Amino acid sequence: MSSRFKGKTIWITGASSGIGKQLAIQLNALGANVIISARRVERLTYIDDHCPCRENMTVVPLDLTNHESVVNAVKKVESLGSLDLLIHNAGIAQKGLVIENEIAIDRQVMETNFFGTVDLTKEVMPIFLKQKKGWFAVVTSIAGVVGVPGRSGYSASKHALHGYFDSLRAELIDCDLNVTIIMPGFIKTNITKKELTGHGKAYGKLEKSHALGMDPDKAAKKIIKRLKPSRQNIIVGGFEVTSVYIQRIFPKLYNFIVRRHPMRWWRKVWGRK
């Protein structure tokens, strides 16, 4: 596995915490030249200071919701030389029933998770076309395959990424382009603490589903082990990932299960708060 990534240049967005952070550290340890990006530059600097091979780690600030920031980041990365793999990992989550979510929240989630990722993809494509080769790995979610109560905006943004990159993969262009879609289940990160509620405030708590989820370092190891240009999809997580297969094979059973999801009582909990 180490020889597969040694000397490769890999750019990771959303690298300040969670899966992105662990992917950066572990790929750096495997000999890759890792470029890490996020809005929180101070967190990136910390990772840079504590990575195994600091000389092979580069910090490039990036705000996906700002086109100028995207353009500047791509120029910086291009100046460093060739780019072998871009891991789209940045994103935000959302919590709340459809009738309780303000439209501004749905737009904000789509702006970051979908349009920001698309913007960066379009800016990077000329690099891949010039090289005649390229590779996108897109971290979505199992919520990008199956709908989850209370996650309509988040799920929609992840579904959109699946459609977009499936289409990109199918396009016949003058470039050896590979696309890998990574679908994590419940991973023990702070994503639920930062997720946006119906009125735009952060939820502020780690949900039990994620508190009991897979550690991000273990998830990153599993992702890296399976990460190959020829691999189109990677699913990683615990028992919850079976929902993807249940939905495909037994859709009625999946509907029965998901309608009894804890989010069914979210409005009552919201009302008490």
Protein backbone atom coordinates (compact mmCIF):
# COMPACT_ATOMS: atom_id res chain seq x y z
CA MET A 1 0.00 0.00 0.00
CA SER A 2 2.81 2.41 0.83
CA SER A 3 4.34 2.14 -2.64
CA ARG A 4 0.98 3.06 -4.18
CA PHE A 5 1.02 6.55 -2.65
CA LYS A 6 4.73 7.22 -2.19
CA GLY A 7 5.76 10.34 -4.08
CA LYS A 8 2.19 11.09 -5.19
CA THR A 9 0.77 14.58 -4.71
CA ILE A 10 -2.59 14.45 -2.95
CA TRP A 11 -4.77 17.46 -2.16
CA ILE A 12 -7.31 17.06 0.67
CA THR A 13 -10.04 19.59 1.42
CA GLY A 14 -11.76 19.75 4.79
CA ALA A 15 -8.51 18.51 6.31
CA SER A 16 -8.71 20.38 9.62
CA SER A 17 -10.52 17.59 11.49
CA GLY A 18 -12.19 14.19 11.29
CA ILE A 19 -11.66 11.93 8.30
CA GLY A 20 -9.82 14.61 6.32
CA LYS A 21 -7.27 15.14 9.08
CA GLN A 22 -6.63 11.42 9.48
CA LEU A 23 -6.32 10.88 5.73
CA ALA A 24 -3.75 13.68 5.60
CA ILE A 25 -1.65 12.30 8.45
CA GLN A 26 -1.75 8.69 7.26
CA LEU A 27 -1.07 9.45 3.59
CA ASN A 28 1.80 11.71 4.65
CA ALA A 29 3.22 8.82 6.68
CA LEU A 30 2.99 6.62 3.56
CA GLY A 31 5.27 9.00 1.66
CA ALA A 32 2.73 11.09 -0.22
CA ASN A 33 3.18 14.82 -0.77
CA VAL A 34 0.01 16.02 0.95
CA ILE A 35 -1.65 19.40 0.45
CA ILE A 36 -4.19 20.23 3.16
CA SER A 37 -6.92 22.83 2.85
CA ALA A 38 -9.70 24.22 5.05
CA ARG A 39 -11.01 27.54 6.31
CA ARG A 40 -9.49 27.08 9.77
CA VAL A 41 -5.85 27.75 8.93
CA GLU A 42 -4.73 27.48 12.55
CA ARG A 43 -5.92 23.85 12.66
CA LEU A 44 -4.07 23.12 9.43
CA THR A 45 -0.89 24.60 10.86
CA TYR A 46 -1.21 22.30 13.88
CA ILE A 47 -1.46 19.26 11.61
CA ASP A 48 1.50 20.49 9.58
CA ASP A 49 3.56 20.84 12.77
CA HIS A 50 2.72 17.32 13.99
CA CYS A 51 2.71 15.23 10.81
CA PRO A 52 5.31 12.44 10.38
CA CYS A 53 7.04 14.00 7.33
CA ARG A 54 6.60 17.74 7.65
CA GLU A 55 8.64 18.47 4.54
CA ASN A 56 5.99 16.64 2.49
CA MET A 57 3.02 18.61 3.88
CA THR A 58 1.79 21.92 2.43
CA VAL A 59 -0.94 24.17 3.85
CA VAL A 60 -3.21 25.95 1.35
CA PRO A 61 -6.12 27.93 2.88
CA LEU A 62 -9.45 27.44 1.12
CA ASP A 63 -13.04 28.63 1.49
CA LEU A 64 -15.22 26.67 -0.92
CA THR A 65 -18.00 29.25 -0.75
CA ASN A 66 -15.68 31.96 -2.10
CA HIS A 67 -14.79 31.62 -5.80
CA GLU A 68 -11.74 33.88 -5.48
CA SER A 69 -10.43 31.68 -2.66
CA VAL A 70 -10.94 28.60 -4.85
CA VAL A 71 -9.07 30.17 -7.78
CA ASN A 72 -6.17 31.29 -5.59
CA ALA A 73 -5.90 27.88 -3.95
CA VAL A 74 -5.77 26.11 -7.32
CA LYS A 75 -3.07 28.50 -8.56
CA LYS A 76 -1.01 27.74 -5.46
CA VAL A 77 -1.42 23.98 -5.88
CA GLU A 78 -0.58 24.18 -9.59
CA SER A 79 2.63 26.06 -8.78
CA LEU A 80 3.75 23.10 -6.66
CA GLY A 81 3.85 20.77 -9.66
CA SER A 82 1.67 17.88 -10.82
CA LEU A 83 -1.46 16.81 -8.94
CA ASP A 84 -2.28 13.11 -8.75
CA LEU A 85 -5.38 13.04 -6.56
CA LEU A 86 -7.88 15.55 -5.19
CA ILE A 87 -9.89 14.29 -2.22
CA HIS A 88 -13.08 16.35 -1.90
CA ASN A 89 -13.81 16.06 1.82
CA ALA A 90 -15.04 19.51 2.90
CA GLY A 91 -18.68 19.91 3.87
CA ILE A 92 -21.25 20.85 6.48
CA ALA A 93 -24.21 18.95 7.92
CA GLN A 94 -27.81 19.87 8.65
CA LYS A 95 -30.40 18.70 11.17
CA GLY A 96 -34.15 19.28 11.22
CA LEU A 97 -37.40 18.29 9.58
CA VAL A 98 -38.23 19.70 6.16
CA ILE A 99 -41.05 21.88 7.56
CA GLU A 100 -38.75 23.30 10.23
CA ASN A 101 -35.78 24.17 8.07
CA GLU A 102 -35.54 27.66 6.64
CA ILE A 103 -34.73 27.70 2.92
CA ALA A 104 -31.55 29.67 3.69
CA ILE A 105 -30.18 26.61 5.50
CA ASP A 106 -30.79 24.34 2.50
CA ARG A 107 -29.08 26.88 0.25
CA GLN A 108 -26.11 27.18 2.61
CA VAL A 109 -25.62 23.41 2.74
CA MET A 110 -25.87 23.11 -1.05
CA GLU A 111 -23.51 26.06 -1.55
CA THR A 112 -20.76 24.38 0.47
CA ASN A 113 -21.27 20.67 -0.13
CA PHE A 114 -22.28 20.77 -3.79
CA PHE A 115 -21.54 24.07 -5.53
CA GLY A 116 -18.26 24.61 -3.68
CA THR A 117 -17.09 21.13 -4.65
CA VAL A 118 -18.21 21.66 -8.25
CA ASP A 119 -16.41 25.01 -8.39
CA LEU A 120 -13.15 23.45 -7.23
CA THR A 121 -13.59 20.54 -9.65
CA LYS A 122 -14.00 22.87 -12.62
CA GLU A 123 -10.89 24.84 -11.63
CA VAL A 124 -8.81 21.68 -11.23
CA MET A 125 -9.94 20.02 -14.46
CA PRO A 126 -7.57 22.10 -16.67
CA ILE A 127 -4.65 20.74 -14.62
CA PHE A 128 -5.80 17.16 -15.19
CA LEU A 129 -6.43 17.80 -18.89
CA LYS A 130 -2.96 19.26 -19.28
CA GLN A 131 -1.46 16.24 -17.52
CA LYS A 132 -3.70 13.89 -19.53
CA LYS A 133 -4.61 12.18 -16.26
CA GLY A 134 -6.32 12.89 -12.96
CA TRP A 135 -8.22 11.39 -10.05
CA PHE A 136 -11.05 12.70 -7.88
CA ALA A 137 -12.05 10.97 -4.64
CA VAL A 138 -15.31 12.41 -3.33
CA VAL A 139 -16.29 11.89 0.30
CA THR A 140 -20.08 11.87 0.40
CA SER A 141 -22.12 9.78 2.86
CA ILE A 142 -24.48 6.84 2.95
CA ALA A 143 -27.05 9.66 3.17
CA GLY A 144 -26.07 10.35 -0.44
CA VAL A 145 -27.55 6.97 -1.40
CA VAL A 146 -30.49 6.63 1.00
CA GLY A 147 -32.67 9.39 2.39
CA VAL A 148 -32.51 9.98 6.14
CA PRO A 149 -35.20 11.74 8.22
CA GLY A 150 -34.06 15.12 9.50
CA ARG A 151 -31.22 15.32 7.00
CA SER A 152 -33.05 16.44 3.86
CA GLY A 153 -30.71 19.28 2.89
CA TYR A 154 -27.57 17.31 3.73
CA SER A 155 -28.82 14.19 1.98
CA ALA A 156 -29.82 16.19 -1.09
CA SER A 157 -26.36 17.77 -1.35
CA LYS A 158 -24.70 14.35 -1.17
CA HIS A 159 -27.12 12.82 -3.68
CA ALA A 160 -26.24 15.71 -6.00
CA LEU A 161 -22.54 14.91 -5.72
CA HIS A 162 -23.22 11.30 -6.72
CA GLY A 163 -25.09 12.40 -9.83
CA TYR A 164 -22.50 15.00 -10.77
CA PHE A 165 -19.44 12.77 -10.44
CA ASP A 166 -21.15 9.74 -11.99
CA SER A 167 -21.78 11.96 -15.01
CA LEU A 168 -18.21 13.28 -15.02
CA ARG A 169 -16.88 9.73 -14.89
CA ALA A 170 -18.99 8.80 -17.91
CA GLU A 171 -17.91 11.72 -20.08
CA LEU A 172 -15.47 10.88 -22.87
CA ILE A 173 -12.73 13.49 -22.56
CA ASP A 174 -9.11 13.60 -23.63
CA CYS A 175 -7.90 12.61 -20.18
CA ASP A 176 -7.39 9.42 -18.18
CA LEU A 177 -9.79 10.54 -15.46
CA ASN A 178 -10.79 8.39 -12.48
CA VAL A 179 -13.55 9.07 -9.95
CA THR A 180 -13.93 7.28 -6.62
CA ILE A 181 -16.94 8.01 -4.40
CA ILE A 182 -16.38 7.37 -0.68
CA MET A 183 -19.49 6.83 1.45
CA PRO A 184 -18.89 6.89 5.22
CA GLY A 185 -21.51 5.80 7.71
CA PHE A 186 -21.45 6.95 11.34
CA ILE A 187 -17.93 8.19 12.06
CA LYS A 188 -16.94 9.57 15.48
CA THR A 189 -16.28 13.17 14.44
CA ASN A 190 -17.68 16.54 15.51
CA ILE A 191 -19.83 16.92 12.40
CA THR A 192 -23.08 16.64 14.37
CA LYS A 193 -21.89 19.28 16.84
CA LYS A 194 -21.43 21.74 14.00
CA GLU A 195 -24.46 20.76 11.91
CA LEU A 196 -26.96 23.51 11.19
CA THR A 197 -30.41 23.36 12.78
CA GLY A 198 -33.54 24.81 11.22
CA HIS A 199 -32.70 28.43 12.07
CA GLY A 200 -29.00 28.27 11.29
CA LYS A 201 -27.55 27.65 14.75
CA ALA A 202 -25.08 24.85 15.41
CA TYR A 203 -26.60 21.79 17.10
CA GLY A 204 -23.78 21.83 19.64
CA LYS A 205 -23.90 18.18 20.70
CA LEU A 206 -22.39 14.95 19.48
CA GLU A 207 -25.25 12.66 18.53
CA LYS A 208 -25.22 9.18 20.01
CA SER A 209 -25.14 7.57 16.55
CA HIS A 210 -21.81 9.28 15.86
CA ALA A 211 -20.47 9.01 19.42
CA LEU A 212 -20.74 5.23 19.01
CA GLY A 213 -19.45 5.34 15.44
CA MET A 214 -16.15 4.27 13.94
CA ASP A 215 -13.06 6.24 14.98
CA PRO A 216 -11.87 8.51 12.14
CA ASP A 217 -8.36 7.05 12.21
CA LYS A 218 -9.78 3.56 11.63
CA ALA A 219 -12.10 4.88 8.91
CA ALA A 220 -9.15 6.56 7.19
CA LYS A 221 -7.12 3.34 7.29
CA LYS A 222 -9.98 1.42 5.66
CA ILE A 223 -10.43 4.11 3.01
CA ILE A 224 -6.72 4.22 2.16
CA LYS A 225 -6.54 0.43 1.96
CA ARG A 226 -9.33 0.40 -0.64
CA LEU A 227 -8.41 3.62 -2.43
CA LYS A 228 -7.42 2.79 -6.01
CA PRO A 229 -8.05 4.67 -9.29
CA SER A 230 -9.99 1.71 -10.65
CA ARG A 231 -12.31 1.54 -7.65
CA GLN A 232 -15.51 3.51 -8.20
CA ASN A 233 -17.13 3.22 -4.77
CA ILE A 234 -15.96 2.74 -1.19
CA ILE A 235 -18.38 2.25 1.71
CA VAL A 236 -16.98 2.43 5.24
CA GLY A 237 -18.68 2.32 8.61
CA GLY A 238 -20.49 -0.04 10.95
CA PHE A 239 -23.78 -1.91 10.75
CA GLU A 240 -25.53 1.21 9.43
CA VAL A 241 -23.96 0.78 5.97
CA THR A 242 -26.22 -2.25 5.42
CA SER A 243 -29.01 0.28 4.84
CA VAL A 244 -27.52 0.94 1.39
CA TYR A 245 -27.99 -2.70 0.38
CA ILE A 246 -31.37 -3.07 2.11
CA GLN A 247 -32.69 -0.04 0.23
CA ARG A 248 -31.54 -1.46 -3.10
CA ILE A 249 -32.75 -5.04 -2.59
CA PHE A 250 -35.69 -4.61 -0.18
CA PRO A 251 -36.99 -1.05 -0.60
CA LYS A 252 -40.20 -1.68 1.35
CA LEU A 253 -38.24 -3.05 4.31
CA TYR A 254 -35.94 -0.04 4.20
CA ASN A 255 -38.94 2.33 4.23
CA PHE A 256 -40.35 0.47 7.23
CA ILE A 257 -37.06 0.81 9.12
CA VAL A 258 -36.28 4.41 8.23
CA ARG A 259 -39.76 5.65 9.16
CA ARG A 260 -39.02 4.44 12.68
CA HIS A 261 -35.78 6.39 12.79
CA PRO A 262 -35.25 8.42 16.03
CA MET A 263 -35.66 11.64 14.02
CA ARG A 264 -39.38 10.81 13.91
CA TRP A 265 -39.59 12.41 17.35
CA TRP A 266 -37.31 15.33 16.51
CA ARG A 267 -40.10 17.91 16.47
CA LYS A 268 -41.14 17.00 20.03
CA VAL A 269 -37.54 17.25 21.22
CA TRP A 270 -37.15 20.57 19.35
CA GLY A 271 -40.30 21.90 20.97
CA ARG A 272 -39.03 21.16 24.47
CA LYS A 273 -35.79 23.01 23.69
